[in-house]
Structures are given as structure tokens and as C-alpha cells.
């Protein structure tokens, strides 16, 4: 028996990167998986590879974020687990962030998880059934670097949502937790490093050598941790925002 046997799992932002890794791990652990993404070609390719159901969605639209849950329920009769993994990481400091950039970060990194969670919890409570939700947050929720002002603001809000919703629905047996992931090796991070930081082909090796563990965060390791949190094996834990990183916040040299 897999950890997620007979569970219906929706992964928002699941067509690439961390989200795709979580979807693959959930399928491996016996789940029926639905995932969303903006690009049809990538999503359909992953669906063909994994057997998961791809739903094309632009999560910056709150209605489409809610509808992702509606479509998962329509396809499989219910939703047992939700992962909010979509993320926008475009750069902007306090002084150069425009209202448009700020709104884009809030839309994808905070508003979409809020309304997807709303829809998922509504289905779970209507059926009087337990469920689990995991939010992929960021260590930037603690403050973040100057060039990620809007991103850090939105992720801090997502950490607050995680705790608030977990508290509100603990008696419904709906467990909601979050991961503050650190610097992670994904195709999206590769594009970001090249576009915003002039990185060359050796940026991964240089970045890994500068980390305490000698590597960046790995998608498969994060995915396995998320599967554990989604599963009954994580017990009663709810409302936890876990620092999944090699930076020790509060530690000083």
C-alpha cells in the first residue's frame, strides 16, 4: 500500500518544478492525481507520462483557482488532498516594484492558494470528510532578500493563511501545513538565474559548493516530504510551517 492509496490529490502548479515532482511522487504512492498548469504542451506531456489528469489553468485568476478544485471533484467525486505549489518569483525591490508586479505576486502566490483552499475545504466539510493541504511557501516568508520584496510579502501571507485555516478547521479533521523551502534546483530556477542574475552554465555547481550540505534543495526530496505530510503517516500535525532548508533562521556566527 502506498502512502496515498485511494486519495484524490490536486496539485496546483503541478506541471513543472516542485509541483511536478510532488505529482509524480503522489502517483507513485497510489494517489489519483489532478494537476494544473498554464502551458498545455508541458501539462499534456506530463499527464501522458504519469497517468494524472491535466487541467489547464491560469491561477492568477481567482475563479480558475477555485475551478481547479471543482474540476478535480467533477472528475473523481471528491478531493482528499490539495497542494498549492504554483509560484511567481520575478524580481523587484521595495523601491522598484510596480503596483502591477506587486499585484501579480499576490495573485499567484497568495490569492490563488486562498481560493483553492476555500474550495477544497468546502468540499471536505460538505462531505464531513477529513483532508490534508500542503502549501509550498518559501524561507522568504521570514523576510527575504531585498530583490524579492513582493514575493516575500506574499509568501509571508501564505504562512499566515496556513496557520489560520489550520486552526479554523482542525475540528473538521482537515490538516493544513506548509513548507518554507529554500534555494531549490528546478528548471524554473535555472531560467530565473539566467534571466535576472546573468548566470552561466556552471551556476548550479557554484551554488551547490556554497551550501552547507554541498547541494541545493532537490525536488524529489521535497516531494517525498510533502507526500508524508499529505498522508496519514504525519499523524495529527497541523498548522505547522516547517523550514525545509539549510539556513538556520535566528542562528548567528
Protein backbone atom coordinates (compact mmCIF):
# COMPACT_ATOMS: atom_id res chain seq x y z
CA UNK A 1 0.00 0.00 0.00
CA UNK A 2 1.30 3.42 -0.95
CA UNK A 3 1.12 6.33 1.46
CA UNK A 4 -1.64 7.96 -0.61
CA UNK A 5 -3.54 4.90 -1.74
CA UNK A 6 -7.11 5.77 -2.83
CA UNK A 7 -6.58 9.50 -2.24
CA UNK A 8 -7.60 12.14 -4.77
CA UNK A 9 -4.81 14.72 -4.87
CA UNK A 10 -4.86 18.09 -6.65
CA UNK A 11 -1.51 19.77 -7.25
CA UNK A 12 -1.88 23.37 -8.34
CA UNK A 13 1.17 24.50 -10.24
CA UNK A 14 1.98 20.87 -10.93
CA UNK A 15 3.26 20.90 -14.50
CA UNK A 16 6.92 21.55 -13.71
CA UNK A 17 9.43 22.03 -10.92
CA UNK A 18 8.49 21.19 -7.36
CA UNK A 19 4.82 20.76 -8.25
CA UNK A 20 5.58 18.20 -10.95
CA UNK A 21 7.83 16.31 -8.55
CA UNK A 22 5.05 16.20 -5.97
CA UNK A 23 2.58 14.94 -8.56
CA UNK A 24 4.94 12.15 -9.63
CA UNK A 25 5.55 11.15 -6.02
CA UNK A 26 1.83 11.13 -5.28
CA UNK A 27 1.15 8.86 -8.27
CA UNK A 28 3.94 6.56 -7.10
CA UNK A 29 2.29 6.38 -3.67
CA UNK A 30 -1.06 5.29 -5.11
CA UNK A 31 -2.93 8.59 -5.44
CA UNK A 32 -5.30 9.64 -8.18
CA UNK A 33 -3.70 12.92 -9.23
CA UNK A 34 -5.03 16.04 -10.91
CA UNK A 35 -2.64 18.89 -11.62
CA UNK A 36 -2.81 22.34 -13.14
CA UNK A 37 -0.50 24.44 -15.26
CA UNK A 38 -0.62 27.24 -17.79
CA UNK A 39 1.16 25.58 -20.72
CA UNK A 40 -0.82 22.90 -22.47
CA UNK A 41 2.10 21.14 -24.15
CA UNK A 42 4.06 20.62 -20.95
CA UNK A 43 0.97 19.64 -18.99
CA UNK A 44 -0.27 17.15 -21.54
CA UNK A 45 3.17 15.59 -21.80
CA UNK A 46 3.38 15.07 -18.04
CA UNK A 47 -0.16 13.70 -17.99
CA UNK A 48 0.73 11.14 -20.65
CA UNK A 49 3.83 10.16 -18.71
CA UNK A 50 2.18 9.78 -15.30
CA UNK A 51 -1.47 8.99 -15.97
CA UNK A 52 -2.54 12.06 -14.00
CA UNK A 53 -5.26 14.42 -15.23
CA UNK A 54 -4.04 17.78 -16.52
CA UNK A 55 -6.26 20.85 -16.13
CA UNK A 56 -5.07 23.96 -17.90
CA UNK A 57 -5.47 26.95 -15.59
CA UNK A 58 -4.13 30.44 -15.04
CA UNK A 59 -4.07 30.61 -11.26
CA UNK A 60 -3.66 34.38 -11.23
CA UNK A 61 -7.42 34.32 -11.87
CA UNK A 62 -9.17 33.52 -8.58
CA UNK A 63 -12.09 31.92 -10.44
CA UNK A 64 -9.73 29.48 -12.17
CA UNK A 65 -8.03 28.68 -8.86
CA UNK A 66 -11.40 27.75 -7.37
CA UNK A 67 -12.40 25.92 -10.54
CA UNK A 68 -9.34 23.68 -10.34
CA UNK A 69 -10.95 22.07 -7.29
CA UNK A 70 -14.34 21.94 -8.99
CA UNK A 71 -12.80 20.08 -11.93
CA UNK A 72 -10.97 17.62 -9.68
CA UNK A 73 -14.23 16.88 -7.85
CA UNK A 74 -16.11 16.57 -11.14
CA UNK A 75 -13.56 14.06 -12.42
CA UNK A 76 -13.21 11.93 -9.29
CA UNK A 77 -16.12 12.72 -6.99
CA UNK A 78 -14.12 14.40 -4.23
CA UNK A 79 -10.84 15.97 -3.22
CA UNK A 80 -8.84 14.48 -0.35
CA UNK A 81 -5.59 16.41 -0.63
CA UNK A 82 -4.55 19.75 -2.07
CA UNK A 83 -1.05 21.05 -2.75
CA UNK A 84 -0.61 24.72 -3.55
CA UNK A 85 2.72 24.71 -5.39
CA UNK A 86 2.38 27.46 -8.00
CA UNK A 87 4.80 30.32 -7.54
CA UNK A 88 5.86 33.54 -9.24
CA UNK A 89 9.46 34.56 -8.49
CA UNK A 90 10.03 37.65 -10.66
CA UNK A 91 12.32 40.19 -9.02
CA UNK A 92 11.55 43.58 -7.51
CA UNK A 93 12.79 45.55 -4.52
CA UNK A 94 10.76 47.82 -2.27
CA UNK A 95 11.80 50.83 -4.35
CA UNK A 96 11.33 49.47 -7.87
CA UNK A 97 8.32 47.14 -7.51
CA UNK A 98 5.39 48.46 -9.51
CA UNK A 99 1.77 48.03 -8.47
CA UNK A 100 1.39 45.63 -11.38
CA UNK A 101 4.27 43.42 -10.21
CA UNK A 102 3.01 43.51 -6.63
CA UNK A 103 -0.49 42.51 -7.73
CA UNK A 104 0.91 39.67 -9.85
CA UNK A 105 2.74 38.22 -6.85
CA UNK A 106 -0.29 38.49 -4.61
CA UNK A 107 -2.48 36.90 -7.27
CA UNK A 108 -0.34 33.79 -7.84
CA UNK A 109 1.45 33.36 -4.52
CA UNK A 110 -1.37 34.20 -2.12
CA UNK A 111 -4.79 34.73 -3.66
CA UNK A 112 -4.72 31.50 -5.71
CA UNK A 113 -3.87 29.30 -2.69
CA UNK A 114 -6.51 31.11 -0.63
CA UNK A 115 -9.36 30.42 -3.04
CA UNK A 116 -8.22 26.91 -3.96
CA UNK A 117 -8.08 26.12 -0.24
CA UNK A 118 -11.51 27.67 0.22
CA UNK A 119 -12.97 25.39 -2.46
CA UNK A 120 -11.19 22.28 -1.20
CA UNK A 121 -12.26 22.82 2.42
CA UNK A 122 -15.82 23.45 1.24
CA UNK A 123 -15.88 20.04 -0.47
CA UNK A 124 -14.34 18.29 2.55
CA UNK A 125 -16.70 19.87 5.08
CA UNK A 126 -19.76 19.26 2.89
CA UNK A 127 -18.88 15.55 2.89
CA UNK A 128 -17.88 15.66 6.58
CA UNK A 129 -14.63 14.03 5.49
CA UNK A 130 -11.05 14.61 6.67
CA UNK A 131 -8.45 16.03 4.31
CA UNK A 132 -4.95 17.42 4.07
CA UNK A 133 -3.49 20.51 2.45
CA UNK A 134 0.16 21.45 1.98
CA UNK A 135 1.25 24.93 0.94
CA UNK A 136 4.64 25.34 -0.70
CA UNK A 137 5.79 28.59 0.86
CA UNK A 138 9.39 29.88 0.99
CA UNK A 139 12.03 30.79 3.52
CA UNK A 140 11.45 34.30 2.19
CA UNK A 141 8.38 34.33 4.44
CA UNK A 142 10.89 35.19 7.19
CA UNK A 143 11.92 38.37 5.36
CA UNK A 144 13.73 37.50 2.15
CA UNK A 145 16.38 39.34 0.14
CA UNK A 146 15.83 42.95 -1.00
CA UNK A 147 15.18 41.92 -4.62
CA UNK A 148 12.20 39.76 -3.61
CA UNK A 149 10.09 42.30 -1.76
CA UNK A 150 6.70 41.47 -3.25
CA UNK A 151 7.43 37.74 -3.30
CA UNK A 152 8.42 37.75 0.37
CA UNK A 153 5.32 39.73 1.27
CA UNK A 154 3.03 37.26 -0.48
CA UNK A 155 4.75 34.21 0.97
CA UNK A 156 4.52 35.63 4.48
CA UNK A 157 0.80 35.98 3.85
CA UNK A 158 0.62 32.34 2.75
CA UNK A 159 2.27 31.27 6.01
CA UNK A 160 -0.42 33.22 7.86
CA UNK A 161 -3.16 31.62 5.79
CA UNK A 162 -1.75 28.17 6.57
CA UNK A 163 -1.98 28.72 10.31
CA UNK A 164 -5.32 30.50 10.21
CA UNK A 165 -7.06 27.86 8.09
CA UNK A 166 -5.50 25.02 10.09
CA UNK A 167 -6.82 26.49 13.31
CA UNK A 168 -10.26 27.18 11.84
CA UNK A 169 -10.74 23.64 10.53
CA UNK A 170 -8.89 21.43 12.99
CA UNK A 171 -12.20 20.11 14.38
CA UNK A 172 -13.19 19.17 10.84
CA UNK A 173 -10.09 16.94 10.83
CA UNK A 174 -8.62 18.93 7.95
CA UNK A 175 -4.89 19.24 8.46
CA UNK A 176 -3.13 22.17 6.79
CA UNK A 177 0.65 22.60 6.83
CA UNK A 178 3.30 24.49 4.90
CA UNK A 179 6.91 24.15 3.82
CA UNK A 180 9.26 27.12 3.76
CA UNK A 181 11.53 25.71 1.08
CA UNK A 182 14.91 27.25 0.34
CA UNK A 183 17.01 27.51 -2.80
CA UNK A 184 15.92 24.58 -4.96
CA UNK A 185 17.29 23.13 -8.20
CA UNK A 186 14.45 23.39 -10.73
CA UNK A 187 14.12 24.29 -14.39
CA UNK A 188 12.34 27.47 -13.31
CA UNK A 189 15.23 28.44 -11.06
CA UNK A 190 17.63 27.84 -13.93
CA UNK A 191 15.66 30.27 -16.10
CA UNK A 192 15.49 32.80 -13.26
CA UNK A 193 19.22 32.67 -12.59
CA UNK A 194 19.99 33.22 -16.26
CA UNK A 195 17.39 35.95 -16.81
CA UNK A 196 17.89 38.01 -13.65
CA UNK A 197 21.41 37.22 -12.45
CA UNK A 198 23.45 36.61 -15.61
CA UNK A 199 24.22 33.03 -14.55
CA UNK A 200 26.25 30.76 -16.80
CA UNK A 201 26.06 27.03 -17.36
CA UNK A 202 28.05 26.36 -14.18
CA UNK A 203 25.75 28.24 -11.78
CA UNK A 204 24.42 25.04 -10.17
CA UNK A 205 27.91 23.80 -9.32
CA UNK A 206 28.93 27.16 -7.87
CA UNK A 207 25.70 27.47 -5.87
CA UNK A 208 25.98 23.92 -4.52
CA UNK A 209 29.56 24.44 -3.40
CA UNK A 210 28.47 27.45 -1.33
CA UNK A 211 25.80 25.50 0.60
CA UNK A 212 26.40 23.72 3.94
CA UNK A 213 25.15 20.39 2.56
CA UNK A 214 27.03 20.78 -0.71
CA UNK A 215 23.88 20.87 -2.81
CA UNK A 216 20.76 22.88 -3.48
CA UNK A 217 17.36 21.60 -2.38
CA UNK A 218 16.27 18.68 -4.53
CA UNK A 219 12.77 18.33 -5.97
CA UNK A 220 12.45 14.62 -5.21
CA UNK A 221 13.36 15.15 -1.56
CA UNK A 222 10.80 17.93 -1.17
CA UNK A 223 8.20 15.80 -2.94
CA UNK A 224 8.73 12.88 -0.57
CA UNK A 225 8.32 15.20 2.42
CA UNK A 226 5.09 16.65 1.01
CA UNK A 227 3.70 13.15 0.41
CA UNK A 228 4.40 12.36 4.06
CA UNK A 229 2.53 15.49 5.19
CA UNK A 230 -0.41 14.65 2.93
CA UNK A 231 -0.59 11.11 4.26
CA UNK A 232 -1.95 9.68 7.48
CA UNK A 233 1.64 8.87 8.50
CA UNK A 234 2.13 12.50 9.52
CA UNK A 235 -0.36 11.89 12.29
CA UNK A 236 -2.06 14.85 13.91
CA UNK A 237 0.33 17.59 12.77
CA UNK A 238 -1.49 20.70 11.56
CA UNK A 239 -0.78 24.41 11.42
CA UNK A 240 2.95 23.78 11.10
CA UNK A 241 5.09 25.91 8.81
CA UNK A 242 8.29 23.93 8.50
CA UNK A 243 11.62 25.45 7.44
CA UNK A 244 12.79 22.96 4.82
CA UNK A 245 16.19 24.49 4.22
CA UNK A 246 19.83 24.51 5.24
CA UNK A 247 19.68 28.07 6.54
CA UNK A 248 19.02 28.18 10.28
CA UNK A 249 16.88 31.24 10.87
CA UNK A 250 17.87 33.05 14.03
CA UNK A 251 21.30 31.44 14.07
CA UNK A 252 24.25 33.86 14.13
CA UNK A 253 28.00 33.49 13.57
